[in-house]
Amino acid sequence: MINKLFEYPALERVEKNDVRYYRDSKENLVPSVTTILSATGDHSGIDAWKRRVGPKTAKEVVDEATTIGTAVHLAIENYLNGLDWEQFTEDRLGLMAHQIAKRFIDDCLGDIEEVWGLESGLVVDGLYAGTADCIGIFKDQPTIIDFKTAKKIKKREWIEDYFLQGCAYANAHNVMFETKIEQIVILMVDRSAIFQEFIVRPKEFNFLTRKWKNKDK
């Protein structure tokens, strides 16, 4: 499954004024894709939720989601690399992460036919950089693949930023390696182990690419 067709750079991450940057090949600091999306997105819903539940509860919820997401991502990466993936803590979050990862591995990764890179650095000099979860062949098409955990499965209209992030990575890959990736796939499993697949195909990809390029100016 692993086929290292491309040499992905090891990106140097720099935190500056609580903002994430990376160094490009010319040693310039460029913002991460997530930084750009955060700076240009609509946070009114999240801000209202934080006010409603209070800062302490909001931080606990975010920290819990981060812990689960990190454990699941590591498990998937290890599995796709042919390594032992069942390395979880024995507490509530570890058990939850194990259940979600098992759902991914048992039922959700079968359409990944080839993996070119995992946690792969991508950069467009002078513009932006980031790390893609998975790059490879999905259902016969070169694809940027992202693995998402969620408390509950999200509606498609709520996750445009996930698609924009994928488009940013695909465009960077196309610039760096003269590829033509025009498909984005989001594989999502929630805490009830419900799975949802979201696919962006070329026509929508071109629309979202134009939208992304307006954000990264």
N, C-alpha and C. Protein backbone atom coordinates (compact mmCIF):
# COMPACT_ATOMS: atom_id res chain seq x y z
N MET A 1 0.82 -1.22 0.00
CA MET A 1 0.00 0.00 0.00
C MET A 1 0.86 1.27 0.00
N ILE A 2 1.95 1.26 0.78
CA ILE A 2 2.82 2.43 0.83
C ILE A 2 3.67 2.46 -0.43
N ASN A 3 3.64 3.58 -1.13
CA ASN A 3 4.44 3.78 -2.34
C ASN A 3 4.99 5.20 -2.32
N LYS A 4 6.24 5.33 -1.90
CA LYS A 4 6.83 6.67 -1.70
C LYS A 4 7.29 7.25 -3.04
N LEU A 5 6.33 7.78 -3.78
CA LEU A 5 6.63 8.36 -5.09
C LEU A 5 7.31 9.71 -4.98
N PHE A 6 7.07 10.43 -3.87
CA PHE A 6 7.55 11.80 -3.75
C PHE A 6 8.32 11.97 -2.45
N GLU A 7 9.24 12.93 -2.46
CA GLU A 7 10.03 13.25 -1.27
C GLU A 7 9.42 14.50 -0.63
N TYR A 8 8.69 14.29 0.45
CA TYR A 8 8.02 15.41 1.11
C TYR A 8 8.97 16.07 2.11
N PRO A 9 8.97 17.40 2.16
CA PRO A 9 9.90 18.09 3.05
C PRO A 9 9.49 17.96 4.51
N ALA A 10 10.50 17.97 5.38
CA ALA A 10 10.25 18.03 6.83
C ALA A 10 10.10 19.51 7.19
N LEU A 11 8.90 19.94 7.48
CA LEU A 11 8.64 21.35 7.73
C LEU A 11 9.06 21.75 9.14
N GLU A 12 9.67 22.91 9.24
CA GLU A 12 10.00 23.46 10.55
C GLU A 12 8.86 24.37 11.00
N ARG A 13 8.25 23.98 12.11
CA ARG A 13 7.11 24.74 12.65
C ARG A 13 7.60 25.82 13.60
N VAL A 14 7.04 27.01 13.49
CA VAL A 14 7.41 28.14 14.33
C VAL A 14 6.15 28.78 14.90
N GLU A 15 6.10 28.92 16.22
CA GLU A 15 4.98 29.62 16.87
C GLU A 15 5.41 31.06 17.15
N LYS A 16 4.64 32.01 16.64
CA LYS A 16 4.98 33.42 16.80
C LYS A 16 3.72 34.19 17.13
N ASN A 17 3.69 34.80 18.31
CA ASN A 17 2.49 35.52 18.76
C ASN A 17 1.25 34.62 18.72
N ASP A 18 1.44 33.38 19.18
CA ASP A 18 0.35 32.39 19.23
C ASP A 18 -0.21 32.04 17.86
N VAL A 19 0.59 32.26 16.81
CA VAL A 19 0.19 31.92 15.44
C VAL A 19 1.18 30.91 14.89
N ARG A 20 0.66 29.91 14.18
CA ARG A 20 1.53 28.86 13.63
C ARG A 20 2.04 29.24 12.25
N TYR A 21 3.36 29.17 12.11
CA TYR A 21 4.03 29.39 10.83
C TYR A 21 4.92 28.20 10.53
N TYR A 22 5.34 28.12 9.25
CA TYR A 22 6.37 27.18 8.83
C TYR A 22 7.42 27.93 8.03
N ARG A 23 8.62 27.37 7.97
CA ARG A 23 9.64 27.94 7.11
C ARG A 23 9.53 27.32 5.72
N ASP A 24 9.51 28.18 4.71
CA ASP A 24 9.47 27.65 3.35
C ASP A 24 10.90 27.34 2.88
N SER A 25 11.06 26.96 1.64
CA SER A 25 12.38 26.55 1.16
C SER A 25 13.37 27.70 1.07
N LYS A 26 12.85 28.92 1.16
CA LYS A 26 13.73 30.11 1.13
C LYS A 26 13.93 30.70 2.51
N GLU A 27 13.55 29.92 3.54
CA GLU A 27 13.72 30.31 4.94
C GLU A 27 12.77 31.42 5.39
N ASN A 28 11.76 31.72 4.58
CA ASN A 28 10.76 32.69 4.99
C ASN A 28 9.66 32.01 5.80
N LEU A 29 9.09 32.75 6.76
CA LEU A 29 7.97 32.21 7.52
C LEU A 29 6.68 32.40 6.73
N VAL A 30 5.94 31.32 6.56
CA VAL A 30 4.64 31.40 5.88
C VAL A 30 3.59 30.83 6.83
N PRO A 31 2.37 31.35 6.81
CA PRO A 31 1.33 30.85 7.72
C PRO A 31 0.89 29.45 7.35
N SER A 32 0.41 28.72 8.36
CA SER A 32 -0.17 27.41 8.08
C SER A 32 -1.53 27.59 7.42
N VAL A 33 -1.98 26.56 6.76
CA VAL A 33 -3.30 26.59 6.13
C VAL A 33 -4.38 26.82 7.19
N THR A 34 -4.25 26.14 8.33
CA THR A 34 -5.25 26.30 9.38
C THR A 34 -5.25 27.71 9.96
N THR A 35 -4.08 28.35 10.00
CA THR A 35 -4.00 29.73 10.47
C THR A 35 -4.77 30.66 9.54
N ILE A 36 -4.59 30.46 8.24
CA ILE A 36 -5.30 31.30 7.25
C ILE A 36 -6.81 31.09 7.37
N LEU A 37 -7.22 29.85 7.46
CA LEU A 37 -8.66 29.57 7.55
C LEU A 37 -9.25 30.12 8.84
N SER A 38 -8.49 30.04 9.92
CA SER A 38 -8.97 30.58 11.20
C SER A 38 -9.12 32.09 11.13
N ALA A 39 -8.17 32.74 10.47
CA ALA A 39 -8.18 34.21 10.39
C ALA A 39 -9.27 34.74 9.48
N THR A 40 -9.73 33.92 8.54
CA THR A 40 -10.70 34.40 7.55
C THR A 40 -12.08 33.78 7.73
N GLY A 41 -12.23 32.93 8.76
CA GLY A 41 -13.50 32.22 8.93
C GLY A 41 -14.49 32.95 9.82
N ASP A 42 -15.68 32.41 9.85
CA ASP A 42 -16.76 32.93 10.69
C ASP A 42 -16.77 32.16 12.01
N HIS A 43 -16.43 32.83 13.11
CA HIS A 43 -16.34 32.17 14.41
C HIS A 43 -17.53 32.49 15.31
N SER A 44 -18.57 33.09 14.75
CA SER A 44 -19.68 33.55 15.59
C SER A 44 -20.35 32.40 16.34
N GLY A 45 -20.52 31.25 15.65
CA GLY A 45 -21.16 30.11 16.30
C GLY A 45 -20.32 29.55 17.43
N ILE A 46 -19.02 29.41 17.21
CA ILE A 46 -18.12 28.89 18.24
C ILE A 46 -18.03 29.86 19.41
N ASP A 47 -17.95 31.15 19.09
CA ASP A 47 -17.86 32.16 20.15
C ASP A 47 -19.12 32.16 21.01
N ALA A 48 -20.27 32.01 20.37
CA ALA A 48 -21.53 31.97 21.12
C ALA A 48 -21.57 30.74 22.03
N TRP A 49 -21.09 29.62 21.51
CA TRP A 49 -21.05 28.38 22.33
C TRP A 49 -20.13 28.56 23.53
N LYS A 50 -18.97 29.16 23.33
CA LYS A 50 -18.03 29.38 24.44
C LYS A 50 -18.64 30.28 25.51
N ARG A 51 -19.37 31.30 25.08
CA ARG A 51 -20.02 32.17 26.06
C ARG A 51 -21.10 31.41 26.83
N ARG A 52 -21.79 30.52 26.12
CA ARG A 52 -22.89 29.78 26.73
C ARG A 52 -22.39 28.77 27.78
N VAL A 53 -21.32 28.04 27.46
CA VAL A 53 -20.86 26.99 28.37
C VAL A 53 -19.80 27.48 29.35
N GLY A 54 -19.17 28.63 29.03
CA GLY A 54 -18.13 29.16 29.90
C GLY A 54 -16.75 28.67 29.47
N PRO A 55 -15.70 29.45 29.79
CA PRO A 55 -14.34 29.14 29.31
C PRO A 55 -13.80 27.82 29.84
N LYS A 56 -14.12 27.48 31.10
CA LYS A 56 -13.59 26.24 31.68
C LYS A 56 -14.13 25.01 30.95
N THR A 57 -15.45 24.96 30.77
CA THR A 57 -16.06 23.83 30.07
C THR A 57 -15.61 23.77 28.62
N ALA A 58 -15.53 24.94 27.98
CA ALA A 58 -15.11 24.98 26.58
C ALA A 58 -13.71 24.40 26.42
N LYS A 59 -12.81 24.77 27.34
CA LYS A 59 -11.44 24.24 27.26
C LYS A 59 -11.42 22.73 27.49
N GLU A 60 -12.21 22.24 28.43
CA GLU A 60 -12.26 20.81 28.69
C GLU A 60 -12.75 20.04 27.46
N VAL A 61 -13.78 20.57 26.80
CA VAL A 61 -14.32 19.91 25.61
C VAL A 61 -13.29 19.89 24.48
N VAL A 62 -12.61 21.02 24.27
CA VAL A 62 -11.60 21.11 23.20
C VAL A 62 -10.43 20.19 23.51
N ASP A 63 -9.97 20.19 24.76
CA ASP A 63 -8.84 19.33 25.14
C ASP A 63 -9.18 17.85 24.96
N GLU A 64 -10.40 17.49 25.31
CA GLU A 64 -10.84 16.09 25.17
C GLU A 64 -10.86 15.69 23.70
N ALA A 65 -11.41 16.55 22.86
CA ALA A 65 -11.47 16.26 21.43
C ALA A 65 -10.07 16.15 20.84
N THR A 66 -9.16 17.01 21.29
CA THR A 66 -7.78 16.98 20.79
C THR A 66 -7.08 15.68 21.19
N THR A 67 -7.28 15.27 22.44
CA THR A 67 -6.66 14.03 22.92
C THR A 67 -7.14 12.83 22.11
N ILE A 68 -8.45 12.74 21.90
CA ILE A 68 -9.01 11.63 21.13
C ILE A 68 -8.51 11.68 19.68
N GLY A 69 -8.58 12.86 19.08
CA GLY A 69 -8.17 13.00 17.68
C GLY A 69 -6.72 12.64 17.46
N THR A 70 -5.83 13.07 18.37
CA THR A 70 -4.40 12.77 18.24
C THR A 70 -4.16 11.27 18.33
N ALA A 71 -4.82 10.60 19.29
CA ALA A 71 -4.64 9.15 19.45
C ALA A 71 -5.14 8.39 18.24
N VAL A 72 -6.28 8.80 17.69
CA VAL A 72 -6.84 8.12 16.52
C VAL A 72 -5.96 8.31 15.30
N HIS A 73 -5.48 9.54 15.08
CA HIS A 73 -4.61 9.80 13.94
C HIS A 73 -3.34 8.96 14.01
N LEU A 74 -2.75 8.87 15.21
CA LEU A 74 -1.53 8.07 15.36
C LEU A 74 -1.82 6.60 15.06
N ALA A 75 -2.96 6.10 15.54
CA ALA A 75 -3.31 4.71 15.29
C ALA A 75 -3.47 4.43 13.79
N ILE A 76 -4.16 5.32 13.07
CA ILE A 76 -4.35 5.14 11.63
C ILE A 76 -3.00 5.18 10.91
N GLU A 77 -2.16 6.14 11.29
CA GLU A 77 -0.84 6.25 10.67
C GLU A 77 -0.03 4.97 10.89
N ASN A 78 -0.04 4.46 12.12
CA ASN A 78 0.69 3.23 12.40
C ASN A 78 0.13 2.05 11.61
N TYR A 79 -1.20 1.97 11.54
CA TYR A 79 -1.83 0.88 10.79
C TYR A 79 -1.41 0.91 9.32
N LEU A 80 -1.50 2.09 8.70
CA LEU A 80 -1.16 2.19 7.28
C LEU A 80 0.32 1.95 7.03
N ASN A 81 1.15 2.18 8.04
CA ASN A 81 2.58 1.89 7.93
C ASN A 81 2.92 0.44 8.29
N GLY A 82 1.88 -0.35 8.61
CA GLY A 82 2.12 -1.74 8.95
C GLY A 82 2.67 -1.96 10.34
N LEU A 83 2.43 -1.00 11.24
CA LEU A 83 2.93 -1.08 12.61
C LEU A 83 1.79 -1.39 13.57
N ASP A 84 2.14 -1.71 14.81
CA ASP A 84 1.14 -1.96 15.85
C ASP A 84 0.38 -0.67 16.11
N TRP A 85 -0.93 -0.72 15.91
CA TRP A 85 -1.73 0.49 16.08
C TRP A 85 -2.48 0.55 17.39
N GLU A 86 -2.54 -0.57 18.10
CA GLU A 86 -3.36 -0.63 19.32
C GLU A 86 -2.54 -0.22 20.55
N GLN A 87 -2.21 1.05 20.59
CA GLN A 87 -1.44 1.60 21.71
C GLN A 87 -2.23 2.77 22.31
N PHE A 88 -3.11 2.46 23.23
CA PHE A 88 -3.98 3.47 23.81
C PHE A 88 -3.87 3.44 25.33
N THR A 89 -4.16 4.57 25.94
CA THR A 89 -4.25 4.61 27.40
C THR A 89 -5.49 3.84 27.83
N GLU A 90 -5.52 3.45 29.10
CA GLU A 90 -6.63 2.64 29.61
C GLU A 90 -7.76 3.48 30.22
N ASP A 91 -7.65 4.79 30.12
CA ASP A 91 -8.69 5.65 30.68
C ASP A 91 -9.85 5.81 29.70
N ARG A 92 -10.84 6.61 30.07
CA ARG A 92 -12.05 6.78 29.26
C ARG A 92 -11.73 7.28 27.86
N LEU A 93 -10.84 8.27 27.75
CA LEU A 93 -10.53 8.83 26.44
C LEU A 93 -9.76 7.84 25.58
N GLY A 94 -8.88 7.07 26.22
CA GLY A 94 -8.14 6.07 25.48
C GLY A 94 -9.04 4.99 24.92
N LEU A 95 -10.01 4.55 25.73
CA LEU A 95 -10.94 3.53 25.27
C LEU A 95 -11.83 4.05 24.14
N MET A 96 -12.22 5.32 24.28
CA MET A 96 -13.04 5.94 23.22
C MET A 96 -12.24 6.05 21.92
N ALA A 97 -10.99 6.48 22.03
CA ALA A 97 -10.12 6.60 20.86
C ALA A 97 -9.91 5.23 20.20
N HIS A 98 -9.76 4.20 21.03
CA HIS A 98 -9.58 2.85 20.51
C HIS A 98 -10.81 2.42 19.69
N GLN A 99 -11.99 2.67 20.22
CA GLN A 99 -13.21 2.30 19.51
C GLN A 99 -13.32 3.01 18.17
N ILE A 100 -13.01 4.31 18.16
CA ILE A 100 -13.09 5.09 16.92
C ILE A 100 -12.05 4.61 15.92
N ALA A 101 -10.82 4.41 16.38
CA ALA A 101 -9.75 3.95 15.49
C ALA A 101 -10.08 2.59 14.90
N LYS A 102 -10.65 1.70 15.72
CA LYS A 102 -11.02 0.36 15.24
C LYS A 102 -12.07 0.45 14.13
N ARG A 103 -13.01 1.37 14.28
CA ARG A 103 -14.03 1.57 13.24
C ARG A 103 -13.37 2.02 11.94
N PHE A 104 -12.46 3.00 12.04
CA PHE A 104 -11.72 3.43 10.86
C PHE A 104 -11.03 2.24 10.20
N ILE A 105 -10.27 1.50 10.98
CA ILE A 105 -9.41 0.45 10.44
C ILE A 105 -10.22 -0.73 9.92
N ASP A 106 -11.29 -1.10 10.60
CA ASP A 106 -12.08 -2.24 10.17
C ASP A 106 -12.93 -1.96 8.94
N ASP A 107 -13.44 -0.72 8.83
CA ASP A 107 -14.50 -0.47 7.86
C ASP A 107 -14.33 0.75 6.95
N CYS A 108 -13.38 1.62 7.22
CA CYS A 108 -13.40 2.93 6.56
C CYS A 108 -12.20 3.22 5.67
N LEU A 109 -11.19 2.37 5.66
CA LEU A 109 -9.96 2.67 4.92
C LEU A 109 -9.81 1.80 3.67
N GLY A 110 -10.79 0.98 3.38
CA GLY A 110 -10.66 0.00 2.30
C GLY A 110 -10.52 0.59 0.92
N ASP A 111 -10.98 1.83 0.71
CA ASP A 111 -10.89 2.43 -0.62
C ASP A 111 -9.57 3.16 -0.84
N ILE A 112 -8.70 3.17 0.17
CA ILE A 112 -7.35 3.72 -0.02
C ILE A 112 -6.50 2.64 -0.66
N GLU A 113 -6.18 2.81 -1.93
CA GLU A 113 -5.48 1.77 -2.68
C GLU A 113 -3.97 1.93 -2.62
N GLU A 114 -3.51 3.15 -2.40
CA GLU A 114 -2.08 3.42 -2.39
C GLU A 114 -1.83 4.65 -1.53
N VAL A 115 -0.78 4.61 -0.75
CA VAL A 115 -0.42 5.74 0.11
C VAL A 115 0.93 6.29 -0.34
N TRP A 116 0.92 7.55 -0.74
CA TRP A 116 2.17 8.21 -1.12
C TRP A 116 2.86 8.86 0.07
N GLY A 117 2.05 9.33 1.00
CA GLY A 117 2.64 9.98 2.16
C GLY A 117 1.64 10.11 3.30
N LEU A 118 2.15 10.07 4.52
CA LEU A 118 1.35 10.27 5.74
C LEU A 118 1.98 11.39 6.55
N GLU A 119 1.14 12.28 7.05
CA GLU A 119 1.64 13.45 7.78
C GLU A 119 2.73 14.13 6.95
N SER A 120 2.38 14.44 5.71
CA SER A 120 3.36 14.93 4.73
C SER A 120 3.37 16.44 4.64
N GLY A 121 4.57 17.01 4.71
CA GLY A 121 4.71 18.46 4.60
C GLY A 121 4.52 18.94 3.18
N LEU A 122 3.72 20.01 3.03
CA LEU A 122 3.46 20.63 1.73
C LEU A 122 3.62 22.13 1.88
N VAL A 123 4.24 22.78 0.91
CA VAL A 123 4.50 24.21 1.05
C VAL A 123 4.49 24.89 -0.32
N VAL A 124 3.90 26.07 -0.36
CA VAL A 124 4.01 26.95 -1.51
C VAL A 124 4.81 28.16 -1.05
N ASP A 125 6.04 28.28 -1.55
CA ASP A 125 6.95 29.33 -1.07
C ASP A 125 6.29 30.70 -1.12
N GLY A 126 6.41 31.40 0.00
CA GLY A 126 5.89 32.76 0.09
C GLY A 126 4.41 32.85 0.37
N LEU A 127 3.70 31.71 0.41
CA LEU A 127 2.25 31.76 0.59
C LEU A 127 1.77 31.00 1.82
N TYR A 128 1.98 29.69 1.85
CA TYR A 128 1.43 28.90 2.96
C TYR A 128 2.09 27.52 2.99
N ALA A 129 1.84 26.82 4.09
CA ALA A 129 2.34 25.45 4.22
C ALA A 129 1.40 24.68 5.16
N GLY A 130 1.60 23.38 5.22
CA GLY A 130 0.79 22.56 6.12
C GLY A 130 1.17 21.11 6.00
N THR A 131 0.50 20.28 6.78
CA THR A 131 0.79 18.85 6.82
C THR A 131 -0.48 18.07 6.52
N ALA A 132 -0.46 17.28 5.46
CA ALA A 132 -1.62 16.50 5.04
C ALA A 132 -1.63 15.15 5.75
N ASP A 133 -2.82 14.74 6.22
CA ASP A 133 -2.94 13.44 6.88
C ASP A 133 -2.46 12.31 5.98
N CYS A 134 -3.00 12.28 4.77
CA CYS A 134 -2.72 11.16 3.87
C CYS A 134 -2.84 11.63 2.42
N ILE A 135 -1.90 11.20 1.60
CA ILE A 135 -1.91 11.51 0.17
C ILE A 135 -1.75 10.19 -0.58
N GLY A 136 -2.59 9.96 -1.57
CA GLY A 136 -2.46 8.71 -2.30
C GLY A 136 -3.57 8.49 -3.29
N ILE A 137 -3.89 7.23 -3.53
CA ILE A 137 -4.93 6.86 -4.48
C ILE A 137 -6.15 6.37 -3.71
N PHE A 138 -7.31 7.00 -3.97
CA PHE A 138 -8.57 6.63 -3.34
C PHE A 138 -9.60 6.43 -4.44
N LYS A 139 -10.14 5.22 -4.52
CA LYS A 139 -11.10 4.88 -5.58
C LYS A 139 -10.55 5.27 -6.95
N ASP A 140 -9.32 4.88 -7.22
CA ASP A 140 -8.65 5.05 -8.52
C ASP A 140 -8.19 6.48 -8.81
N GLN A 141 -8.39 7.42 -7.88
CA GLN A 141 -8.06 8.82 -8.14
C GLN A 141 -7.01 9.33 -7.16
N PRO A 142 -6.02 10.12 -7.65
CA PRO A 142 -5.09 10.76 -6.72
C PRO A 142 -5.86 11.72 -5.81
N THR A 143 -5.60 11.64 -4.51
CA THR A 143 -6.49 12.27 -3.54
C THR A 143 -5.74 12.76 -2.32
N ILE A 144 -6.19 13.89 -1.78
CA ILE A 144 -5.83 14.30 -0.44
C ILE A 144 -6.90 13.74 0.50
N ILE A 145 -6.46 12.95 1.49
CA ILE A 145 -7.38 12.27 2.40
C ILE A 145 -7.18 12.80 3.81
N ASP A 146 -8.27 13.15 4.46
CA ASP A 146 -8.20 13.68 5.83
C ASP A 146 -9.05 12.81 6.74
N PHE A 147 -8.51 12.48 7.90
CA PHE A 147 -9.23 11.67 8.88
C PHE A 147 -9.74 12.59 9.99
N LYS A 148 -11.05 12.57 10.21
CA LYS A 148 -11.65 13.45 11.21
C LYS A 148 -12.43 12.65 12.25
N THR A 149 -12.25 13.02 13.50
CA THR A 149 -13.11 12.52 14.57
C THR A 149 -14.09 13.63 14.94
N ALA A 150 -15.23 13.24 15.46
CA ALA A 150 -16.25 14.24 15.81
C ALA A 150 -17.11 13.69 16.94
N LYS A 151 -17.68 14.60 17.71
CA LYS A 151 -18.62 14.17 18.75
C LYS A 151 -19.85 13.56 18.09
N LYS A 152 -20.35 14.22 17.05
CA LYS A 152 -21.42 13.69 16.21
C LYS A 152 -21.07 14.00 14.76
N ILE A 153 -21.51 13.13 13.85
CA ILE A 153 -21.25 13.36 12.43
C ILE A 153 -21.78 14.74 12.02
N LYS A 154 -20.96 15.48 11.30
CA LYS A 154 -21.32 16.84 10.90
C LYS A 154 -22.01 16.83 9.53
N LYS A 155 -22.85 17.84 9.32
CA LYS A 155 -23.46 18.01 8.00
C LYS A 155 -22.42 18.57 7.03
N ARG A 156 -22.59 18.24 5.77
CA ARG A 156 -21.63 18.65 4.76
C ARG A 156 -21.46 20.18 4.73
N GLU A 157 -22.58 20.89 4.88
CA GLU A 157 -22.50 22.36 4.78
C GLU A 157 -21.75 22.99 5.95
N TRP A 158 -21.49 22.22 6.99
CA TRP A 158 -20.76 22.75 8.15
C TRP A 158 -19.25 22.62 8.03
N ILE A 159 -18.77 21.87 7.04
CA ILE A 159 -17.34 21.52 7.03
C ILE A 159 -16.62 22.04 5.79
N GLU A 160 -17.06 23.16 5.28
CA GLU A 160 -16.39 23.71 4.09
C GLU A 160 -14.91 23.96 4.35
N ASP A 161 -14.55 24.37 5.58
CA ASP A 161 -13.14 24.61 5.87
C ASP A 161 -12.31 23.34 5.71
N TYR A 162 -12.88 22.18 6.01
CA TYR A 162 -12.14 20.93 5.78
C TYR A 162 -11.84 20.76 4.30
N PHE A 163 -12.82 21.07 3.46
CA PHE A 163 -12.62 20.95 2.02
C PHE A 163 -11.60 21.99 1.52
N LEU A 164 -11.69 23.21 2.05
CA LEU A 164 -10.75 24.25 1.64
C LEU A 164 -9.32 23.87 2.04
N GLN A 165 -9.17 23.29 3.23
CA GLN A 165 -7.86 22.84 3.66
C GLN A 165 -7.31 21.78 2.70
N GLY A 166 -8.17 20.84 2.32
CA GLY A 166 -7.75 19.82 1.36
C GLY A 166 -7.36 20.40 0.02
N CYS A 167 -8.13 21.39 -0.44
CA CYS A 167 -7.80 22.06 -1.71
C CYS A 167 -6.45 22.77 -1.64
N ALA A 168 -6.19 23.41 -0.50
CA ALA A 168 -4.90 24.08 -0.30
C ALA A 168 -3.76 23.07 -0.41
N TYR A 169 -3.91 21.92 0.23
CA TYR A 169 -2.87 20.90 0.19
C TYR A 169 -2.72 20.33 -1.23
N ALA A 170 -3.85 20.09 -1.89
CA ALA A 170 -3.79 19.55 -3.25
C ALA A 170 -3.09 20.52 -4.20
N ASN A 171 -3.40 21.80 -4.09
CA ASN A 171 -2.76 22.79 -4.95
C ASN A 171 -1.27 22.89 -4.67
N ALA A 172 -0.89 22.80 -3.39
CA ALA A 172 0.53 22.81 -3.05
C ALA A 172 1.23 21.60 -3.66
N HIS A 173 0.61 20.43 -3.54
CA HIS A 173 1.19 19.21 -4.10
C HIS A 173 1.34 19.33 -5.61
N ASN A 174 0.33 19.89 -6.25
CA ASN A 174 0.38 20.04 -7.71
C ASN A 174 1.49 20.99 -8.14
N VAL A 175 1.74 22.03 -7.35
CA VAL A 175 2.83 22.97 -7.64
C VAL A 175 4.18 22.31 -7.40
N MET A 176 4.30 21.60 -6.28
CA MET A 176 5.59 21.02 -5.89
C MET A 176 6.02 19.87 -6.79
N PHE A 177 5.05 19.05 -7.21
CA PHE A 177 5.40 17.79 -7.87
C PHE A 177 4.78 17.62 -9.26
N GLU A 178 4.16 18.68 -9.77
CA GLU A 178 3.53 18.67 -11.09
C GLU A 178 2.52 17.52 -11.22
N THR A 179 1.75 17.34 -10.16
CA THR A 179 0.66 16.36 -10.18
C THR A 179 -0.64 17.07 -10.56
N LYS A 180 -1.71 16.31 -10.61
CA LYS A 180 -3.02 16.89 -10.89
C LYS A 180 -4.04 16.27 -9.93
N ILE A 181 -3.87 16.57 -8.65
CA ILE A 181 -4.83 16.09 -7.66
C ILE A 181 -6.03 17.03 -7.66
N GLU A 182 -7.20 16.47 -7.89
CA GLU A 182 -8.43 17.26 -7.91
C GLU A 182 -9.54 16.58 -7.11
N GLN A 183 -9.15 15.71 -6.20
CA GLN A 183 -10.14 15.04 -5.36
C GLN A 183 -9.73 15.15 -3.89
N ILE A 184 -10.70 15.51 -3.05
CA ILE A 184 -10.51 15.60 -1.60
C ILE A 184 -11.49 14.64 -0.96
N VAL A 185 -11.01 13.87 0.02
CA VAL A 185 -11.88 12.94 0.75
C VAL A 185 -11.72 13.19 2.24
N ILE A 186 -12.84 13.38 2.91
CA ILE A 186 -12.88 13.47 4.37
C ILE A 186 -13.53 12.20 4.89
N LEU A 187 -12.82 11.45 5.69
CA LEU A 187 -13.35 10.25 6.34
C LEU A 187 -13.57 10.59 7.81
N MET A 188 -14.81 10.52 8.26
CA MET A 188 -15.18 10.97 9.61
C MET A 188 -15.86 9.85 10.39
N VAL A 189 -15.42 9.67 11.64
CA VAL A 189 -16.07 8.74 12.55
C VAL A 189 -16.38 9.49 13.85
N ASP A 190 -17.62 9.32 14.34
CA ASP A 190 -17.98 10.03 15.57
C ASP A 190 -17.88 9.09 16.78
N ARG A 191 -18.28 9.60 17.94
CA ARG A 191 -18.07 8.84 19.18
C ARG A 191 -19.04 7.68 19.35
N SER A 192 -20.04 7.61 18.48
CA SER A 192 -20.90 6.43 18.43
C SER A 192 -20.42 5.44 17.38
N ALA A 193 -19.22 5.70 16.83
CA ALA A 193 -18.61 4.88 15.78
C ALA A 193 -19.41 4.88 14.49
N ILE A 194 -20.16 5.96 14.25
CA ILE A 194 -20.85 6.16 12.97
C ILE A 194 -19.85 6.76 11.98
N PHE A 195 -19.84 6.24 10.77
CA PHE A 195 -18.89 6.66 9.74
C PHE A 195 -19.59 7.44 8.64
N GLN A 196 -18.91 8.50 8.17
CA GLN A 196 -19.42 9.26 7.03
C GLN A 196 -18.25 9.61 6.12
N GLU A 197 -18.47 9.45 4.83
CA GLU A 197 -17.47 9.79 3.81
C GLU A 197 -17.95 11.01 3.03
N PHE A 198 -17.08 12.00 2.90
CA PHE A 198 -17.38 13.20 2.10
C PHE A 198 -16.34 13.28 0.99
N ILE A 199 -16.80 13.45 -0.25
CA ILE A 199 -15.88 13.51 -1.40
C ILE A 199 -16.09 14.83 -2.16
N VAL A 200 -14.99 15.50 -2.45
CA VAL A 200 -14.98 16.66 -3.34
C VAL A 200 -14.36 16.21 -4.66
N ARG A 201 -15.14 16.30 -5.73
CA ARG A 201 -14.68 15.89 -7.06
C ARG A 201 -14.29 17.13 -7.89
N PRO A 202 -13.71 16.93 -9.10
CA PRO A 202 -13.08 18.05 -9.81
C PRO A 202 -13.89 19.33 -9.98
N LYS A 203 -15.17 19.24 -10.32
CA LYS A 203 -15.94 20.46 -10.53
C LYS A 203 -16.03 21.28 -9.25
N GLU A 204 -16.36 20.63 -8.14
CA GLU A 204 -16.42 21.33 -6.86
C GLU A 204 -15.03 21.73 -6.41
N PHE A 205 -14.04 20.90 -6.70
CA PHE A 205 -12.65 21.22 -6.35
C PHE A 205 -12.22 22.55 -6.98
N ASN A 206 -12.55 22.76 -8.25
CA ASN A 206 -12.17 23.99 -8.92
C ASN A 206 -12.86 25.20 -8.29
N PHE A 207 -14.12 25.04 -7.92
CA PHE A 207 -14.85 26.13 -7.24
C PHE A 207 -14.19 26.45 -5.90
N LEU A 208 -13.88 25.43 -5.11
CA LEU A 208 -13.29 25.64 -3.79
C LEU A 208 -11.86 26.16 -3.89
N THR A 209 -11.15 25.76 -4.94
CA THR A 209 -9.80 26.29 -5.14
C THR A 209 -9.83 27.80 -5.34
N ARG A 210 -10.79 28.27 -6.14
CA ARG A 210 -10.91 29.72 -6.33
C ARG A 210 -11.21 30.41 -5.00
N LYS A 211 -12.05 29.80 -4.20
CA LYS A 211 -12.40 30.36 -2.89
C LYS A 211 -11.17 30.37 -1.99
N TRP A 212 -10.41 29.28 -1.99
CA TRP A 212 -9.18 29.23 -1.18
C TRP A 212 -8.19 30.31 -1.60
N LYS A 213 -8.00 30.49 -2.89
CA LYS A 213 -7.00 31.46 -3.37
C LYS A 213 -7.38 32.89 -2.99
N ASN A 214 -8.67 33.15 -2.80
CA ASN A 214 -9.08 34.47 -2.31
C ASN A 214 -8.73 34.65 -0.84
N LYS A 215 -8.62 33.53 -0.10
CA LYS A 215 -8.28 33.61 1.31
C LYS A 215 -6.78 33.75 1.55
N ASP A 216 -5.97 33.15 0.68
CA ASP A 216 -4.52 33.11 0.95
C ASP A 216 -3.76 34.27 0.32
N LYS A 217 -4.48 35.29 -0.15
CA LYS A 217 -3.81 36.47 -0.72
C LYS A 217 -3.14 37.27 0.39
